[in-house]
Amino acid sequence: MSKLLIAVIGSVFLLGSAGVMASGNKESRMPPMAAQDILNKMACEGKKDGEKTKDRVDGEMVTCPPKIKQPNFGK
């Protein structure tokens, strides 16, 4: 009986956690942002408007505040 109870509790835990992991971040109010845009935003932190910094991915110069591109994540 105890083995059955342990198996039921274990399966509920595994199925529940798998459902949470697979759900993704659908409830966030933040717009999707590419990693390159996040790095550029971090590089411009603490700099004045109009200052330039080097893009960490492309190596191009980015003027602060950086323009955020809206990525197309397979839509």
C-alpha atoms as a PDB file:
ATOM      1  CA  MET A   1       0.000   0.000   0.000  1.00  0.00           C
ATOM      2  CA  SER A   2       2.788   2.427   0.878  1.00  0.00           C
ATOM      3  CA  LYS A   3       4.582   1.697  -2.409  1.00  0.00           C
ATOM      4  CA  LEU A   4       1.413   2.561  -4.321  1.00  0.00           C
ATOM      5  CA  LEU A   5       0.988   5.776  -2.347  1.00  0.00           C
ATOM      6  CA  ILE A   6       4.600   6.783  -3.006  1.00  0.00           C
ATOM      7  CA  ALA A   7       4.189   6.008  -6.724  1.00  0.00           C
ATOM      8  CA  VAL A   8       1.014   8.125  -6.949  1.00  0.00           C
ATOM      9  CA  ILE A   9       2.580  11.078  -5.121  1.00  0.00           C
ATOM     10  CA  GLY A  10       5.723  10.818  -7.277  1.00  0.00           C
ATOM     11  CA  SER A  11       3.773  10.722 -10.529  1.00  0.00           C
ATOM     12  CA  VAL A  12       1.638  13.718  -9.497  1.00  0.00           C
ATOM     13  CA  PHE A  13       4.795  15.648  -8.669  1.00  0.00           C
ATOM     14  CA  LEU A  14       6.493  14.745 -11.967  1.00  0.00           C
ATOM     15  CA  LEU A  15       3.455  15.488 -14.110  1.00  0.00           C
ATOM     16  CA  GLY A  16       2.774  18.739 -12.280  1.00  0.00           C
ATOM     17  CA  SER A  17       6.322  20.038 -12.554  1.00  0.00           C
ATOM     18  CA  ALA A  18       6.540  19.035 -16.234  1.00  0.00           C
ATOM     19  CA  GLY A  19       3.359  21.015 -16.922  1.00  0.00           C
ATOM     20  CA  VAL A  20       4.769  24.071 -15.188  1.00  0.00           C
ATOM     21  CA  MET A  21       8.032  23.879 -17.121  1.00  0.00           C
ATOM     22  CA  ALA A  22       6.250  23.442 -20.447  1.00  0.00           C
ATOM     23  CA  SER A  23       3.871  26.343 -19.872  1.00  0.00           C
ATOM     24  CA  GLY A  24       6.504  28.965 -20.654  1.00  0.00           C
ATOM     25  CA  ASN A  25       6.165  32.654 -19.886  1.00  0.00           C
ATOM     26  CA  LYS A  26       2.788  33.401 -21.415  1.00  0.00           C
ATOM     27  CA  GLU A  27       1.591  35.652 -18.610  1.00  0.00           C
ATOM     28  CA  SER A  28       4.425  38.168 -18.652  1.00  0.00           C
ATOM     29  CA  ARG A  29       3.553  41.714 -19.646  1.00  0.00           C
ATOM     30  CA  MET A  30       7.062  42.348 -20.977  1.00  0.00           C
ATOM     31  CA  PRO A  31       7.390  42.259 -24.755  1.00  0.00           C
ATOM     32  CA  PRO A  32       9.710  39.594 -26.165  1.00  0.00           C
ATOM     33  CA  MET A  33      13.247  40.947 -26.481  1.00  0.00           C
ATOM     34  CA  ALA A  34      16.255  39.472 -28.254  1.00  0.00           C
ATOM     35  CA  ALA A  35      19.414  38.770 -26.252  1.00  0.00           C
ATOM     36  CA  GLN A  36      21.346  41.278 -28.380  1.00  0.00           C
ATOM     37  CA  ASP A  37      18.914  44.037 -27.387  1.00  0.00           C
ATOM     38  CA  ILE A  38      19.236  43.125 -23.710  1.00  0.00           C
ATOM     39  CA  LEU A  39      23.038  43.310 -23.935  1.00  0.00           C
ATOM     40  CA  ASN A  40      22.868  46.693 -25.692  1.00  0.00           C
ATOM     41  CA  LYS A  41      20.474  48.009 -23.049  1.00  0.00           C
ATOM     42  CA  MET A  42      22.835  46.849 -20.297  1.00  0.00           C
ATOM     43  CA  ALA A  43      25.812  48.473 -22.047  1.00  0.00           C
ATOM     44  CA  CYS A  44      23.962  51.812 -22.214  1.00  0.00           C
ATOM     45  CA  GLU A  45      23.052  51.743 -18.545  1.00  0.00           C
ATOM     46  CA  GLY A  46      24.619  54.725 -16.797  1.00  0.00           C
ATOM     47  CA  LYS A  47      25.503  56.509 -20.041  1.00  0.00           C
ATOM     48  CA  LYS A  48      24.019  59.755 -21.286  1.00  0.00           C
ATOM     49  CA  ASP A  49      21.705  59.997 -24.292  1.00  0.00           C
ATOM     50  CA  GLY A  50      23.715  60.249 -27.487  1.00  0.00           C
ATOM     51  CA  GLU A  51      26.783  58.417 -26.181  1.00  0.00           C
ATOM     52  CA  LYS A  52      27.976  55.530 -28.303  1.00  0.00           C
ATOM     53  CA  THR A  53      28.937  52.050 -27.227  1.00  0.00           C
ATOM     54  CA  LYS A  54      30.089  48.983 -29.118  1.00  0.00           C
ATOM     55  CA  ASP A  55      27.520  46.259 -29.773  1.00  0.00           C
ATOM     56  CA  ARG A  56      28.646  43.103 -27.977  1.00  0.00           C
ATOM     57  CA  VAL A  57      27.332  40.808 -30.712  1.00  0.00           C
ATOM     58  CA  ASP A  58      27.908  42.542 -34.075  1.00  0.00           C
ATOM     59  CA  GLY A  59      30.662  44.951 -33.083  1.00  0.00           C
ATOM     60  CA  GLU A  60      28.699  47.860 -34.587  1.00  0.00           C
ATOM     61  CA  MET A  61      28.379  51.172 -32.761  1.00  0.00           C
ATOM     62  CA  VAL A  62      25.088  51.698 -30.916  1.00  0.00           C
ATOM     63  CA  THR A  63      23.831  55.123 -29.847  1.00  0.00           C
ATOM     64  CA  CYS A  64      22.287  55.191 -26.370  1.00  0.00           C
ATOM     65  CA  PRO A  65      19.430  54.679 -25.687  1.00  0.00           C
ATOM     66  CA  PRO A  66      19.472  51.646 -27.991  1.00  0.00           C
ATOM     67  CA  LYS A  67      16.616  50.974 -30.372  1.00  0.00           C
ATOM     68  CA  ILE A  68      14.857  47.768 -29.354  1.00  0.00           C
ATOM     69  CA  LYS A  69      14.027  45.531 -32.285  1.00  0.00           C
ATOM     70  CA  GLN A  70      10.839  43.492 -32.047  1.00  0.00           C
ATOM     71  CA  PRO A  71      11.949  39.947 -32.837  1.00  0.00           C
ATOM     72  CA  ASN A  72       9.791  37.623 -34.858  1.00  0.00           C
ATOM     73  CA  PHE A  73       9.745  34.437 -32.771  1.00  0.00           C
ATOM     74  CA  GLY A  74       8.168  32.237 -35.440  1.00  0.00           C
ATOM     75  CA  LYS A  75       4.882  34.151 -35.620  1.00  0.00           C
END
